[in-house]
Amino acid sequence: MSLVLDAGALIAVDRADRATAAIIEAARLDRRTVIIPAGVVGQVWREGGRQARLARVLRARDVVIEPLTDAEARAAGVLCGRADTSDVVDASVVIAARRHRATVLTSDRHDLEALDPSIPLVDC
């Protein structure tokens, strides 16, 4: 099963949170693909020179940065409409988790559960 990272997980990486790093490393050692929707990267990337930990994770060979295609953007909008929310990036995380049958590493359990209470979540 793959692991999808949301913005909270990347912020935790950037802040050197050991528990979050351990979860990601365990997934990588288990040869699980680590997936990051591109919008999530945009939410957290500020100054590459000051985000060395984050940059290392983003460029790792077993990490996939998934683009937000037109079809996925529309699906995210529909999902937001159904859940009466507006965070398209959170919706893209849920869509990626569904597509890959993945667990999401998140600091935003409440918002993701509002979009889809059936996806597996791990708190960071």
PDB file of N, CA and C in Angstrom:
ATOM      1  N   MET A   1       0.841  -1.174   0.000  1.00  0.00           N
ATOM      2  CA  MET A   1       0.000   0.000   0.000  1.00  0.00           C
ATOM      3  C   MET A   1       0.889   1.241   0.000  1.00  0.00           C
ATOM      4  N   SER A   2       0.562   2.187  -0.840  1.00  0.00           N
ATOM      5  CA  SER A   2       1.319   3.433  -0.936  1.00  0.00           C
ATOM      6  C   SER A   2       1.018   4.351   0.234  1.00  0.00           C
ATOM      7  N   LEU A   3       1.819   5.408   0.338  1.00  0.00           N
ATOM      8  CA  LEU A   3       1.642   6.414   1.372  1.00  0.00           C
ATOM      9  C   LEU A   3       1.542   7.771   0.695  1.00  0.00           C
ATOM     10  N   VAL A   4       0.434   8.481   0.937  1.00  0.00           N
ATOM     11  CA  VAL A   4       0.241   9.824   0.397  1.00  0.00           C
ATOM     12  C   VAL A   4       0.524  10.819   1.519  1.00  0.00           C
ATOM     13  N   LEU A   5       1.296  11.859   1.197  1.00  0.00           N
ATOM     14  CA  LEU A   5       1.617  12.885   2.178  1.00  0.00           C
ATOM     15  C   LEU A   5       0.792  14.135   1.918  1.00  0.00           C
ATOM     16  N   ASP A   6       0.243  14.711   2.982  1.00  0.00           N
ATOM     17  CA  ASP A   6      -0.453  15.986   2.831  1.00  0.00           C
ATOM     18  C   ASP A   6       0.484  17.103   3.287  1.00  0.00           C
ATOM     19  N   ALA A   7      -0.005  18.332   3.259  1.00  0.00           N
ATOM     20  CA  ALA A   7       0.834  19.479   3.600  1.00  0.00           C
ATOM     21  C   ALA A   7       1.367  19.394   5.026  1.00  0.00           C
ATOM     22  N   GLY A   8       0.538  18.936   5.945  1.00  0.00           N
ATOM     23  CA  GLY A   8       0.990  18.808   7.329  1.00  0.00           C
ATOM     24  C   GLY A   8       2.161  17.858   7.466  1.00  0.00           C
ATOM     25  N   ALA A   9       2.141  16.783   6.693  1.00  0.00           N
ATOM     26  CA  ALA A   9       3.257  15.830   6.731  1.00  0.00           C
ATOM     27  C   ALA A   9       4.534  16.485   6.203  1.00  0.00           C
ATOM     28  N   LEU A  10       4.416  17.255   5.125  1.00  0.00           N
ATOM     29  CA  LEU A  10       5.614  17.921   4.587  1.00  0.00           C
ATOM     30  C   LEU A  10       6.120  19.006   5.530  1.00  0.00           C
ATOM     31  N   ILE A  11       5.215  19.708   6.186  1.00  0.00           N
ATOM     32  CA  ILE A  11       5.638  20.701   7.169  1.00  0.00           C
ATOM     33  C   ILE A  11       6.368  20.013   8.314  1.00  0.00           C
ATOM     34  N   ALA A  12       5.864  18.875   8.747  1.00  0.00           N
ATOM     35  CA  ALA A  12       6.533  18.119   9.808  1.00  0.00           C
ATOM     36  C   ALA A  12       7.926  17.684   9.374  1.00  0.00           C
ATOM     37  N   VAL A  13       8.070  17.239   8.128  1.00  0.00           N
ATOM     38  CA  VAL A  13       9.390  16.885   7.595  1.00  0.00           C
ATOM     39  C   VAL A  13      10.309  18.097   7.658  1.00  0.00           C
ATOM     40  N   ASP A  14       9.803  19.239   7.193  1.00  0.00           N
ATOM     41  CA  ASP A  14      10.591  20.462   7.148  1.00  0.00           C
ATOM     42  C   ASP A  14      11.039  20.894   8.550  1.00  0.00           C
ATOM     43  N   ARG A  15      10.237  20.577   9.546  1.00  0.00           N
ATOM     44  CA  ARG A  15      10.540  20.947  10.937  1.00  0.00           C
ATOM     45  C   ARG A  15      11.299  19.848  11.680  1.00  0.00           C
ATOM     46  N   ALA A  16      11.753  18.856  10.942  1.00  0.00           N
ATOM     47  CA  ALA A  16      12.564  17.756  11.496  1.00  0.00           C
ATOM     48  C   ALA A  16      11.816  16.926  12.526  1.00  0.00           C
ATOM     49  N   ASP A  17      10.524  16.716  12.316  1.00  0.00           N
ATOM     50  CA  ASP A  17       9.738  15.867  13.210  1.00  0.00           C
ATOM     51  C   ASP A  17      10.176  14.418  13.023  1.00  0.00           C
ATOM     52  N   ARG A  18      10.726  13.841  14.049  1.00  0.00           N
ATOM     53  CA  ARG A  18      11.296  12.495  13.948  1.00  0.00           C
ATOM     54  C   ARG A  18      10.243  11.424  13.721  1.00  0.00           C
ATOM     55  N   ALA A  19       9.097  11.559  14.334  1.00  0.00           N
ATOM     56  CA  ALA A  19       8.044  10.555  14.165  1.00  0.00           C
ATOM     57  C   ALA A  19       7.560  10.517  12.718  1.00  0.00           C
ATOM     58  N   THR A  20       7.387  11.680  12.128  1.00  0.00           N
ATOM     59  CA  THR A  20       6.955  11.746  10.725  1.00  0.00           C
ATOM     60  C   THR A  20       8.036  11.172   9.819  1.00  0.00           C
ATOM     61  N   ALA A  21       9.264  11.540  10.052  1.00  0.00           N
ATOM     62  CA  ALA A  21      10.374  11.006   9.252  1.00  0.00           C
ATOM     63  C   ALA A  21      10.445   9.489   9.370  1.00  0.00           C
ATOM     64  N   ALA A  22      10.185   8.959  10.550  1.00  0.00           N
ATOM     65  CA  ALA A  22      10.229   7.510  10.760  1.00  0.00           C
ATOM     66  C   ALA A  22       9.121   6.803   9.983  1.00  0.00           C
ATOM     67  N   ILE A  23       7.939   7.388   9.935  1.00  0.00           N
ATOM     68  CA  ILE A  23       6.837   6.788   9.178  1.00  0.00           C
ATOM     69  C   ILE A  23       7.171   6.759   7.699  1.00  0.00           C
ATOM     70  N   ILE A  24       7.696   7.853   7.194  1.00  0.00           N
ATOM     71  CA  ILE A  24       8.055   7.923   5.770  1.00  0.00           C
ATOM     72  C   ILE A  24       9.184   6.954   5.456  1.00  0.00           C
ATOM     73  N   GLU A  25      10.181   6.899   6.313  1.00  0.00           N
ATOM     74  CA  GLU A  25      11.308   5.979   6.095  1.00  0.00           C
ATOM     75  C   GLU A  25      10.847   4.525   6.144  1.00  0.00           C
ATOM     76  N   ALA A  26       9.954   4.198   7.060  1.00  0.00           N
ATOM     77  CA  ALA A  26       9.432   2.826   7.134  1.00  0.00           C
ATOM     78  C   ALA A  26       8.699   2.463   5.849  1.00  0.00           C
ATOM     79  N   ALA A  27       7.927   3.391   5.317  1.00  0.00           N
ATOM     80  CA  ALA A  27       7.227   3.138   4.048  1.00  0.00           C
ATOM     81  C   ALA A  27       8.230   2.892   2.931  1.00  0.00           C
ATOM     82  N   ARG A  28       9.273   3.704   2.887  1.00  0.00           N
ATOM     83  CA  ARG A  28      10.287   3.552   1.848  1.00  0.00           C
ATOM     84  C   ARG A  28      11.035   2.224   1.985  1.00  0.00           C
ATOM     85  N   LEU A  29      11.364   1.831   3.212  1.00  0.00           N
ATOM     86  CA  LEU A  29      12.053   0.559   3.438  1.00  0.00           C
ATOM     87  C   LEU A  29      11.174  -0.629   3.066  1.00  0.00           C
ATOM     88  N   ASP A  30       9.856  -0.463   3.227  1.00  0.00           N
ATOM     89  CA  ASP A  30       8.901  -1.497   2.821  1.00  0.00           C
ATOM     90  C   ASP A  30       8.607  -1.457   1.327  1.00  0.00           C
ATOM     91  N   ARG A  31       9.326  -0.589   0.607  1.00  0.00           N
ATOM     92  CA  ARG A  31       9.165  -0.411  -0.840  1.00  0.00           C
ATOM     93  C   ARG A  31       7.774   0.068  -1.227  1.00  0.00           C
ATOM     94  N   ARG A  32       7.175   0.838  -0.325  1.00  0.00           N
ATOM     95  CA  ARG A  32       5.897   1.478  -0.614  1.00  0.00           C
ATOM     96  C   ARG A  32       6.187   2.796  -1.318  1.00  0.00           C
ATOM     97  N   THR A  33       5.430   3.112  -2.335  1.00  0.00           N
ATOM     98  CA  THR A  33       5.605   4.376  -3.033  1.00  0.00           C
ATOM     99  C   THR A  33       5.085   5.510  -2.158  1.00  0.00           C
ATOM    100  N   VAL A  34       5.858   6.568  -2.068  1.00  0.00           N
ATOM    101  CA  VAL A  34       5.444   7.770  -1.353  1.00  0.00           C
ATOM    102  C   VAL A  34       4.962   8.767  -2.407  1.00  0.00           C
ATOM    103  N   ILE A  35       3.710   9.184  -2.269  1.00  0.00           N
ATOM    104  CA  ILE A  35       3.063  10.030  -3.272  1.00  0.00           C
ATOM    105  C   ILE A  35       2.746  11.380  -2.655  1.00  0.00           C
ATOM    106  N   ILE A  36       3.071  12.439  -3.401  1.00  0.00           N
ATOM    107  CA  ILE A  36       2.761  13.792  -2.955  1.00  0.00           C
ATOM    108  C   ILE A  36       2.048  14.512  -4.101  1.00  0.00           C
ATOM    109  N   PRO A  37       0.781  14.872  -3.926  1.00  0.00           N
ATOM    110  CA  PRO A  37       0.111  15.665  -4.952  1.00  0.00           C
ATOM    111  C   PRO A  37       0.825  17.010  -5.121  1.00  0.00           C
ATOM    112  N   ALA A  38       0.957  17.472  -6.370  1.00  0.00           N
ATOM    113  CA  ALA A  38       1.707  18.691  -6.667  1.00  0.00           C
ATOM    114  C   ALA A  38       1.181  19.908  -5.906  1.00  0.00           C
ATOM    115  N   GLY A  39      -0.120  19.987  -5.721  1.00  0.00           N
ATOM    116  CA  GLY A  39      -0.681  21.112  -4.978  1.00  0.00           C
ATOM    117  C   GLY A  39      -0.189  21.173  -3.545  1.00  0.00           C
ATOM    118  N   VAL A  40       0.081  20.010  -2.964  1.00  0.00           N
ATOM    119  CA  VAL A  40       0.614  19.942  -1.605  1.00  0.00           C
ATOM    120  C   VAL A  40       2.002  20.574  -1.573  1.00  0.00           C
ATOM    121  N   VAL A  41       2.806  20.297  -2.591  1.00  0.00           N
ATOM    122  CA  VAL A  41       4.136  20.902  -2.663  1.00  0.00           C
ATOM    123  C   VAL A  41       3.993  22.425  -2.685  1.00  0.00           C
ATOM    124  N   GLY A  42       3.067  22.922  -3.497  1.00  0.00           N
ATOM    125  CA  GLY A  42       2.843  24.365  -3.580  1.00  0.00           C
ATOM    126  C   GLY A  42       2.416  24.989  -2.266  1.00  0.00           C
ATOM    127  N   GLN A  43       1.706  24.239  -1.450  1.00  0.00           N
ATOM    128  CA  GLN A  43       1.276  24.767  -0.157  1.00  0.00           C
ATOM    129  C   GLN A  43       2.426  24.981   0.807  1.00  0.00           C
ATOM    130  N   VAL A  44       3.492  24.199   0.688  1.00  0.00           N
ATOM    131  CA  VAL A  44       4.548  24.258   1.698  1.00  0.00           C
ATOM    132  C   VAL A  44       5.887  24.804   1.198  1.00  0.00           C
ATOM    133  N   TRP A  45       6.116  24.787  -0.095  1.00  0.00           N
ATOM    134  CA  TRP A  45       7.422  25.217  -0.613  1.00  0.00           C
ATOM    135  C   TRP A  45       7.527  26.733  -0.553  1.00  0.00           C
ATOM    136  N   ARG A  46       8.551  27.235   0.121  1.00  0.00           N
ATOM    137  CA  ARG A  46       8.749  28.670   0.242  1.00  0.00           C
ATOM    138  C   ARG A  46      10.132  29.091  -0.228  1.00  0.00           C
ATOM    139  N   GLU A  47      11.148  28.612   0.440  1.00  0.00           N
ATOM    140  CA  GLU A  47      12.518  28.973   0.089  1.00  0.00           C
ATOM    141  C   GLU A  47      13.344  27.705   0.055  1.00  0.00           C
ATOM    142  N   GLY A  48      13.642  27.240  -1.126  1.00  0.00           N
ATOM    143  CA  GLY A  48      14.371  25.987  -1.249  1.00  0.00           C
ATOM    144  C   GLY A  48      15.651  25.940  -0.457  1.00  0.00           C
ATOM    145  N   GLY A  49      16.366  27.043  -0.373  1.00  0.00           N
ATOM    146  CA  GLY A  49      17.623  27.076   0.361  1.00  0.00           C
ATOM    147  C   GLY A  49      17.461  26.858   1.849  1.00  0.00           C
ATOM    148  N   ARG A  50      16.282  27.126   2.350  1.00  0.00           N
ATOM    149  CA  ARG A  50      16.017  26.963   3.784  1.00  0.00           C
ATOM    150  C   ARG A  50      15.174  25.725   4.076  1.00  0.00           C
ATOM    151  N   GLN A  51      14.907  24.949   3.075  1.00  0.00           N
ATOM    152  CA  GLN A  51      14.061  23.768   3.247  1.00  0.00           C
ATOM    153  C   GLN A  51      14.789  22.516   2.769  1.00  0.00           C
ATOM    154  N   ALA A  52      15.991  22.315   3.267  1.00  0.00           N
ATOM    155  CA  ALA A  52      16.832  21.211   2.801  1.00  0.00           C
ATOM    156  C   ALA A  52      16.193  19.849   3.070  1.00  0.00           C
ATOM    157  N   ARG A  53      15.604  19.665   4.244  1.00  0.00           N
ATOM    158  CA  ARG A  53      14.967  18.377   4.553  1.00  0.00           C
ATOM    159  C   ARG A  53      13.825  18.096   3.577  1.00  0.00           C
ATOM    160  N   LEU A  54      13.012  19.107   3.370  1.00  0.00           N
ATOM    161  CA  LEU A  54      11.884  18.962   2.445  1.00  0.00           C
ATOM    162  C   LEU A  54      12.389  18.697   1.028  1.00  0.00           C
ATOM    163  N   ALA A  55      13.395  19.421   0.599  1.00  0.00           N
ATOM    164  CA  ALA A  55      13.956  19.222  -0.743  1.00  0.00           C
ATOM    165  C   ALA A  55      14.466  17.794  -0.921  1.00  0.00           C
ATOM    166  N   ARG A  56      15.099  17.244   0.109  1.00  0.00           N
ATOM    167  CA  ARG A  56      15.595  15.859   0.035  1.00  0.00           C
ATOM    168  C   ARG A  56      14.450  14.875  -0.185  1.00  0.00           C
ATOM    169  N   VAL A  57      13.355  15.062   0.537  1.00  0.00           N
ATOM    170  CA  VAL A  57      12.213  14.162   0.369  1.00  0.00           C
ATOM    171  C   VAL A  57      11.625  14.309  -1.037  1.00  0.00           C
ATOM    172  N   LEU A  58      11.490  15.537  -1.500  1.00  0.00           N
ATOM    173  CA  LEU A  58      10.868  15.769  -2.808  1.00  0.00           C
ATOM    174  C   LEU A  58      11.686  15.192  -3.965  1.00  0.00           C
ATOM    175  N   ARG A  59      12.990  15.127  -3.815  1.00  0.00           N
ATOM    176  CA  ARG A  59      13.813  14.622  -4.919  1.00  0.00           C
ATOM    177  C   ARG A  59      14.191  13.146  -4.784  1.00  0.00           C
ATOM    178  N   ALA A  60      13.734  12.503  -3.731  1.00  0.00           N
ATOM    179  CA  ALA A  60      14.043  11.077  -3.547  1.00  0.00           C
ATOM    180  C   ALA A  60      13.468  10.263  -4.699  1.00  0.00           C
ATOM    181  N   ARG A  61      14.204   9.258  -5.131  1.00  0.00           N
ATOM    182  CA  ARG A  61      13.789   8.497  -6.311  1.00  0.00           C
ATOM    183  C   ARG A  61      12.509   7.692  -6.099  1.00  0.00           C
ATOM    184  N   ASP A  62      12.183   7.376  -4.867  1.00  0.00           N
ATOM    185  CA  ASP A  62      10.980   6.594  -4.610  1.00  0.00           C
ATOM    186  C   ASP A  62       9.792   7.469  -4.179  1.00  0.00           C
ATOM    187  N   VAL A  63       9.910   8.768  -4.406  1.00  0.00           N
ATOM    188  CA  VAL A  63       8.824   9.701  -4.144  1.00  0.00           C
ATOM    189  C   VAL A  63       8.265  10.172  -5.480  1.00  0.00           C
ATOM    190  N   VAL A  64       6.948  10.125  -5.600  1.00  0.00           N
ATOM    191  CA  VAL A  64       6.276  10.538  -6.834  1.00  0.00           C
ATOM    192  C   VAL A  64       5.489  11.807  -6.557  1.00  0.00           C
ATOM    193  N   ILE A  65       5.793  12.868  -7.309  1.00  0.00           N
ATOM    194  CA  ILE A  65       5.010  14.098  -7.241  1.00  0.00           C
ATOM    195  C   ILE A  65       3.966  13.984  -8.352  1.00  0.00           C
ATOM    196  N   GLU A  66       2.701  13.914  -7.957  1.00  0.00           N
ATOM    197  CA  GLU A  66       1.634  13.730  -8.945  1.00  0.00           C
ATOM    198  C   GLU A  66       1.044  15.063  -9.360  1.00  0.00           C
ATOM    199  N   PRO A  67       0.979  15.302 -10.665  1.00  0.00           N
ATOM    200  CA  PRO A  67       0.368  16.542 -11.144  1.00  0.00           C
ATOM    201  C   PRO A  67      -1.147  16.529 -10.935  1.00  0.00           C
ATOM    202  N   LEU A  68      -1.714  17.710 -10.883  1.00  0.00           N
ATOM    203  CA  LEU A  68      -3.167  17.829 -10.812  1.00  0.00           C
ATOM    204  C   LEU A  68      -3.659  18.028 -12.244  1.00  0.00           C
ATOM    205  N   THR A  69      -4.165  16.962 -12.833  1.00  0.00           N
ATOM    206  CA  THR A  69      -4.655  17.030 -14.202  1.00  0.00           C
ATOM    207  C   THR A  69      -6.021  17.711 -14.231  1.00  0.00           C
ATOM    208  N   ASP A  70      -6.470  18.026 -15.423  1.00  0.00           N
ATOM    209  CA  ASP A  70      -7.791  18.628 -15.571  1.00  0.00           C
ATOM    210  C   ASP A  70      -8.867  17.719 -14.995  1.00  0.00           C
ATOM    211  N   ALA A  71      -8.804  16.439 -15.307  1.00  0.00           N
ATOM    212  CA  ALA A  71      -9.817  15.498 -14.809  1.00  0.00           C
ATOM    213  C   ALA A  71      -9.790  15.410 -13.283  1.00  0.00           C
ATOM    214  N   GLU A  72      -8.588  15.389 -12.701  1.00  0.00           N
ATOM    215  CA  GLU A  72      -8.487  15.317 -11.246  1.00  0.00           C
ATOM    216  C   GLU A  72      -8.930  16.623 -10.595  1.00  0.00           C
ATOM    217  N   ALA A  73      -8.632  17.746 -11.225  1.00  0.00           N
ATOM    218  CA  ALA A  73      -9.077  19.038 -10.698  1.00  0.00           C
ATOM    219  C   ALA A  73     -10.602  19.098 -10.656  1.00  0.00           C
ATOM    220  N   ARG A  74     -11.230  18.606 -11.709  1.00  0.00           N
ATOM    221  CA  ARG A  74     -12.692  18.586 -11.737  1.00  0.00           C
ATOM    222  C   ARG A  74     -13.245  17.624 -10.679  1.00  0.00           C
ATOM    223  N   ALA A  75     -12.611  16.463 -10.551  1.00  0.00           N
ATOM    224  CA  ALA A  75     -13.047  15.501  -9.534  1.00  0.00           C
ATOM    225  C   ALA A  75     -12.875  16.098  -8.135  1.00  0.00           C
ATOM    226  N   ALA A  76     -11.794  16.835  -7.915  1.00  0.00           N
ATOM    227  CA  ALA A  76     -11.576  17.483  -6.623  1.00  0.00           C
ATOM    228  C   ALA A  76     -12.661  18.526  -6.357  1.00  0.00           C
ATOM    229  N   GLY A  77     -13.031  19.263  -7.385  1.00  0.00           N
ATOM    230  CA  GLY A  77     -14.106  20.240  -7.231  1.00  0.00           C
ATOM    231  C   GLY A  77     -15.434  19.585  -6.894  1.00  0.00           C
ATOM    232  N   VAL A  78     -15.731  18.479  -7.555  1.00  0.00           N
ATOM    233  CA  VAL A  78     -16.967  17.738  -7.261  1.00  0.00           C
ATOM    234  C   VAL A  78     -16.935  17.221  -5.827  1.00  0.00           C
ATOM    235  N   LEU A  79     -15.804  16.666  -5.421  1.00  0.00           N
ATOM    236  CA  LEU A  79     -15.668  16.155  -4.061  1.00  0.00           C
ATOM    237  C   LEU A  79     -15.867  17.275  -3.045  1.00  0.00           C
ATOM    238  N   CYS A  80     -15.282  18.435  -3.287  1.00  0.00           N
ATOM    239  CA  CYS A  80     -15.473  19.577  -2.393  1.00  0.00           C
ATOM    240  C   CYS A  80     -16.941  19.978  -2.329  1.00  0.00           C
ATOM    241  N   GLY A  81     -17.600  19.987  -3.478  1.00  0.00           N
ATOM    242  CA  GLY A  81     -19.014  20.342  -3.502  1.00  0.00           C
ATOM    243  C   GLY A  81     -19.868  19.385  -2.697  1.00  0.00           C
ATOM    244  N   ARG A  82     -19.591  18.104  -2.844  1.00  0.00           N
ATOM    245  CA  ARG A  82     -20.353  17.093  -2.095  1.00  0.00           C
ATOM    246  C   ARG A  82     -20.133  17.191  -0.593  1.00  0.00           C
ATOM    247  N   ALA A  83     -18.911  17.542  -0.198  1.00  0.00           N
ATOM    248  CA  ALA A  83     -18.582  17.618   1.227  1.00  0.00           C
ATOM    249  C   ALA A  83     -18.788  19.026   1.792  1.00  0.00           C
ATOM    250  N   ASP A  84     -19.200  19.948   0.940  1.00  0.00           N
ATOM    251  CA  ASP A  84     -19.403  21.346   1.340  1.00  0.00           C
ATOM    252  C   ASP A  84     -18.135  21.932   1.949  1.00  0.00           C
ATOM    253  N   THR A  85     -17.002  21.688   1.263  1.00  0.00           N
ATOM    254  CA  THR A  85     -15.712  22.251   1.656  1.00  0.00           C
ATOM    255  C   THR A  85     -15.142  22.979   0.451  1.00  0.00           C
ATOM    256  N   SER A  86     -13.997  23.621   0.633  1.00  0.00           N
ATOM    257  CA  SER A  86     -13.428  24.366  -0.483  1.00  0.00           C
ATOM    258  C   SER A  86     -11.951  24.105  -0.736  1.00  0.00           C
ATOM    259  N   ASP A  87     -11.327  23.223   0.025  1.00  0.00           N
ATOM    260  CA  ASP A  87      -9.886  22.996  -0.122  1.00  0.00           C
ATOM    261  C   ASP A  87      -9.625  21.939  -1.187  1.00  0.00           C
ATOM    262  N   VAL A  88      -9.322  22.416  -2.379  1.00  0.00           N
ATOM    263  CA  VAL A  88      -9.082  21.531  -3.517  1.00  0.00           C
ATOM    264  C   VAL A  88      -7.826  20.694  -3.307  1.00  0.00           C
ATOM    265  N   VAL A  89      -6.844  21.222  -2.610  1.00  0.00           N
ATOM    266  CA  VAL A  89      -5.620  20.458  -2.361  1.00  0.00           C
ATOM    267  C   VAL A  89      -5.925  19.274  -1.449  1.00  0.00           C
ATOM    268  N   ASP A  90      -6.703  19.490  -0.392  1.00  0.00           N
ATOM    269  CA  ASP A  90      -7.116  18.357   0.449  1.00  0.00           C
ATOM    270  C   ASP A  90      -7.870  17.329  -0.385  1.00  0.00           C
ATOM    271  N   ALA A  91      -8.739  17.798  -1.255  1.00  0.00           N
ATOM    272  CA  ALA A  91      -9.492  16.874  -2.108  1.00  0.00           C
ATOM    273  C   ALA A  91      -8.554  16.109  -3.031  1.00  0.00           C
ATOM    274  N   SER A  92      -7.494  16.750  -3.517  1.00  0.00           N
ATOM    275  CA  SER A  92      -6.536  16.042  -4.379  1.00  0.00           C
ATOM    276  C   SER A  92      -5.786  14.969  -3.606  1.00  0.00           C
ATOM    277  N   VAL A  93      -5.559  15.200  -2.320  1.00  0.00           N
ATOM    278  CA  VAL A  93      -4.935  14.185  -1.462  1.00  0.00           C
ATOM    279  C   VAL A  93      -5.855  12.971  -1.351  1.00  0.00           C
ATOM    280  N   VAL A  94      -7.125  13.218  -1.128  1.00  0.00           N
ATOM    281  CA  VAL A  94      -8.098  12.134  -1.018  1.00  0.00           C
ATOM    282  C   VAL A  94      -8.193  11.362  -2.334  1.00  0.00           C
ATOM    283  N   ILE A  95      -8.212  12.070  -3.444  1.00  0.00           N
ATOM    284  CA  ILE A  95      -8.293  11.420  -4.758  1.00  0.00           C
ATOM    285  C   ILE A  95      -7.065  10.544  -4.992  1.00  0.00           C
ATOM    286  N   ALA A  96      -5.886  11.047  -4.638  1.00  0.00           N
ATOM    287  CA  ALA A  96      -4.663  10.242  -4.789  1.00  0.00           C
ATOM    288  C   ALA A  96      -4.727   8.999  -3.902  1.00  0.00           C
ATOM    289  N   ALA A  97      -5.213   9.164  -2.678  1.00  0.00           N
ATOM    290  CA  ALA A  97      -5.319   8.019  -1.768  1.00  0.00           C
ATOM    291  C   ALA A  97      -6.281   6.977  -2.320  1.00  0.00           C
ATOM    292  N   ARG A  98      -7.381   7.428  -2.869  1.00  0.00           N
ATOM    293  CA  ARG A  98      -8.344   6.488  -3.457  1.00  0.00           C
ATOM    294  C   ARG A  98      -7.721   5.748  -4.644  1.00  0.00           C
ATOM    295  N   ARG A  99      -7.086   6.495  -5.535  1.00  0.00           N
ATOM    296  CA  ARG A  99      -6.529   5.902  -6.756  1.00  0.00           C
ATOM    297  C   ARG A  99      -5.464   4.861  -6.451  1.00  0.00           C
ATOM    298  N   HIS A 100      -4.655   5.123  -5.448  1.00  0.00           N
ATOM    299  CA  HIS A 100      -3.545   4.218  -5.121  1.00  0.00           C
ATOM    300  C   HIS A 100      -3.877   3.263  -3.982  1.00  0.00           C
ATOM    301  N   ARG A 101      -5.105   3.342  -3.483  1.00  0.00           N
ATOM    302  CA  ARG A 101      -5.489   2.548  -2.301  1.00  0.00           C
ATOM    303  C   ARG A 101      -4.449   2.739  -1.206  1.00  0.00           C
ATOM    304  N   ALA A 102      -4.180   4.013  -0.930  1.00  0.00           N
ATOM    305  CA  ALA A 102      -3.076   4.387  -0.049  1.00  0.00           C
ATOM    306  C   ALA A 102      -3.563   4.895   1.302  1.00  0.00           C
ATOM    307  N   THR A 103      -2.648   4.896   2.227  1.00  0.00           N
ATOM    308  CA  THR A 103      -2.823   5.537   3.522  1.00  0.00           C
ATOM    309  C   THR A 103      -2.330   6.971   3.384  1.00  0.00           C
ATOM    310  N   VAL A 104      -2.966   7.897   4.092  1.00  0.00           N
ATOM    311  CA  VAL A 104      -2.544   9.299   4.075  1.00  0.00           C
ATOM    312  C   VAL A 104      -1.885   9.643   5.402  1.00  0.00           C
ATOM    313  N   LEU A 105      -0.709  10.231   5.319  1.00  0.00           N
ATOM    314  CA  LEU A 105      -0.014  10.765   6.489  1.00  0.00           C
ATOM    315  C   LEU A 105      -0.422  12.227   6.593  1.00  0.00           C
ATOM    316  N   THR A 106      -1.112  12.588   7.677  1.00  0.00           N
ATOM    317  CA  THR A 106      -1.756  13.894   7.754  1.00  0.00           C
ATOM    318  C   THR A 106      -1.712  14.520   9.139  1.00  0.00           C
ATOM    319  N   SER A 107      -1.817  15.820   9.157  1.00  0.00           N
ATOM    320  CA  SER A 107      -2.045  16.545  10.409  1.00  0.00           C
ATOM    321  C   SER A 107      -3.443  17.155  10.386  1.00  0.00           C
ATOM    322  N   ASP A 108      -4.215  16.761   9.391  1.00  0.00           N
ATOM    323  CA  ASP A 108      -5.506  17.395   9.113  1.00  0.00           C
ATOM    324  C   ASP A 108      -6.627  16.357   9.034  1.00  0.00           C
ATOM    325  N   ARG A 109      -6.644  15.445   9.982  1.00  0.00           N
ATOM    326  CA  ARG A 109      -7.589  14.325   9.964  1.00  0.00           C
ATOM    327  C   ARG A 109      -9.029  14.790   9.764  1.00  0.00           C
ATOM    328  N   HIS A 110      -9.446  15.790  10.492  1.00  0.00           N
ATOM    329  CA  HIS A 110     -10.840  16.236  10.446  1.00  0.00           C
ATOM    330  C   HIS A 110     -11.264  16.630   9.024  1.00  0.00           C
ATOM    331  N   ASP A 111     -10.438  17.432   8.357  1.00  0.00           N
ATOM    332  CA  ASP A 111     -10.802  17.892   7.009  1.00  0.00           C
ATOM    333  C   ASP A 111     -10.805  16.753   5.995  1.00  0.00           C
ATOM    334  N   LEU A 112      -9.863  15.829   6.116  1.00  0.00           N
ATOM    335  CA  LEU A 112      -9.830  14.713   5.178  1.00  0.00           C
ATOM    336  C   LEU A 112     -10.988  13.747   5.416  1.00  0.00           C
ATOM    337  N   GLU A 113     -11.329  13.517   6.681  1.00  0.00           N
ATOM    338  CA  GLU A 113     -12.474  12.648   6.979  1.00  0.00           C
ATOM    339  C   GLU A 113     -13.780  13.253   6.471  1.00  0.00           C
ATOM    340  N   ALA A 114     -13.875  14.580   6.452  1.00  0.00           N
ATOM    341  CA  ALA A 114     -15.073  15.226   5.918  1.00  0.00           C
ATOM    342  C   ALA A 114     -15.218  14.948   4.423  1.00  0.00           C
ATOM    343  N   LEU A 115     -14.086  14.805   3.743  1.00  0.00           N
ATOM    344  CA  LEU A 115     -14.106  14.522   2.302  1.00  0.00           C
ATOM    345  C   LEU A 115     -14.355  13.047   2.017  1.00  0.00           C
ATOM    346  N   ASP A 116     -13.773  12.169   2.833  1.00  0.00           N
ATOM    347  CA  ASP A 116     -13.972  10.729   2.649  1.00  0.00           C
ATOM    348  C   ASP A 116     -13.589  10.005   3.939  1.00  0.00           C
ATOM    349  N   PRO A 117     -14.571   9.636   4.733  1.00  0.00           N
ATOM    350  CA  PRO A 117     -14.263   8.986   6.015  1.00  0.00           C
ATOM    351  C   PRO A 117     -13.702   7.571   5.877  1.00  0.00           C
ATOM    352  N   SER A 118     -13.671   7.024   4.675  1.00  0.00           N
ATOM    353  CA  SER A 118     -13.212   5.639   4.507  1.00  0.00           C
ATOM    354  C   SER A 118     -11.718   5.515   4.215  1.00  0.00           C
ATOM    355  N   ILE A 119     -11.037   6.604   3.891  1.00  0.00           N
ATOM    356  CA  ILE A 119      -9.615   6.460   3.581  1.00  0.00           C
ATOM    357  C   ILE A 119      -8.811   6.282   4.860  1.00  0.00           C
ATOM    358  N   PRO A 120      -7.804   5.402   4.821  1.00  0.00           N
ATOM    359  CA  PRO A 120      -6.975   5.197   6.019  1.00  0.00           C
ATOM    360  C   PRO A 120      -6.053   6.385   6.264  1.00  0.00           C
ATOM    361  N   LEU A 121      -6.030   6.851   7.500  1.00  0.00           N
ATOM    362  CA  LEU A 121      -5.214   8.013   7.883  1.00  0.00           C
ATOM    363  C   LEU A 121      -4.268   7.656   9.010  1.00  0.00           C
ATOM    364  N   VAL A 122      -3.083   8.247   8.960  1.00  0.00           N
ATOM    365  CA  VAL A 122      -2.122   8.156  10.038  1.00  0.00           C
ATOM    366  C   VAL A 122      -1.773   9.595  10.403  1.00  0.00           C
ATOM    367  N   ASP A 123      -1.868   9.909  11.693  1.00  0.00           N
ATOM    368  CA  ASP A 123      -1.584  11.261  12.144  1.00  0.00           C
ATOM    369  C   ASP A 123      -0.084  11.504  12.264  1.00  0.00           C
ATOM    370  N   CYS A 124       0.296  12.715  11.906  1.00  0.00           N
ATOM    371  CA  CYS A 124       1.695  13.102  12.106  1.00  0.00           C
ATOM    372  C   CYS A 124       1.753  14.289  13.044  1.00  0.00           C
TER     373      CYS A 124
END
